[in-house]
Amino acid sequence: MVIKLVCKDYGYDCDFVAEGENVEDVMKEFGKHSDEEHGLWYSDESLKQIVQNKYNTK
């Protein structure tokens, strides 16, 4: 399954999309972008929660 995290979905005026089949890689890519470009750091647990909420997984 392809996982996609889109900045605009989280309130940013930004076209960045982190996308892939490896959840860990997508979370790291989105977290790195968010930290470097928007100054907002997400913990690993927060990123897992974002993915779980978006894809209704546990």
Protein backbone atom coordinates (compact mmCIF):
# COMPACT_ATOMS: atom_id res chain seq x y z
CA MET A 1 0.00 0.00 0.00
CA VAL A 2 1.30 3.44 -0.88
CA ILE A 3 1.43 5.84 2.06
CA LYS A 4 1.14 9.56 1.30
CA LEU A 5 1.58 12.47 3.72
CA VAL A 6 0.78 15.88 2.24
CA CYS A 7 1.76 19.15 3.93
CA LYS A 8 -1.49 20.85 2.89
CA ASP A 9 -3.43 18.18 4.82
CA TYR A 10 -1.81 19.46 8.02
CA GLY A 11 -2.41 23.18 7.52
CA TYR A 12 0.73 24.18 5.64
CA ASP A 13 0.65 26.33 2.50
CA CYS A 14 3.11 23.92 0.92
CA ASP A 15 3.03 21.45 -1.98
CA PHE A 16 5.39 18.91 -0.37
CA VAL A 17 4.32 15.25 -0.51
CA ALA A 18 6.10 12.33 1.17
CA GLU A 19 5.04 9.13 -0.56
CA GLY A 20 6.07 5.49 -0.69
CA GLU A 21 5.34 1.94 0.38
CA ASN A 22 7.70 1.91 3.36
CA VAL A 23 5.88 3.63 6.24
CA GLU A 24 9.08 4.35 8.18
CA ASP A 25 10.70 6.06 5.17
CA VAL A 26 7.62 8.20 4.49
CA MET A 27 7.41 9.23 8.15
CA LYS A 28 11.10 10.17 8.23
CA GLU A 29 10.85 12.14 4.97
CA PHE A 30 7.76 14.05 6.14
CA GLY A 31 9.25 14.67 9.58
CA LYS A 32 12.53 15.94 8.14
CA HIS A 33 10.74 18.26 5.72
CA SER A 34 8.41 19.58 8.43
CA ASP A 35 11.34 20.30 10.74
CA GLU A 36 13.60 21.89 8.12
CA GLU A 37 11.00 23.88 6.17
CA HIS A 38 8.34 24.70 8.76
CA GLY A 39 10.27 24.56 12.04
CA LEU A 40 7.92 21.94 13.48
CA TRP A 41 9.46 18.75 14.83
CA TYR A 42 7.28 15.64 15.11
CA SER A 43 8.29 12.78 17.40
CA ASP A 44 8.28 9.26 15.94
CA GLU A 45 5.18 8.53 18.02
CA SER A 46 3.39 11.59 16.61
CA LEU A 47 4.24 10.58 13.05
CA LYS A 48 2.96 7.03 13.71
CA GLN A 49 -0.27 8.54 15.07
CA ILE A 50 -0.66 10.68 11.93
CA VAL A 51 -0.30 7.61 9.69
CA GLN A 52 -2.63 5.51 11.87
CA ASN A 53 -5.30 8.21 11.87
CA LYS A 54 -5.06 8.80 8.13
CA TYR A 55 -5.16 5.12 7.18
CA ASN A 56 -7.23 3.80 10.11
CA THR A 57 -4.54 1.30 11.09
CA LYS A 58 -3.36 0.15 14.49
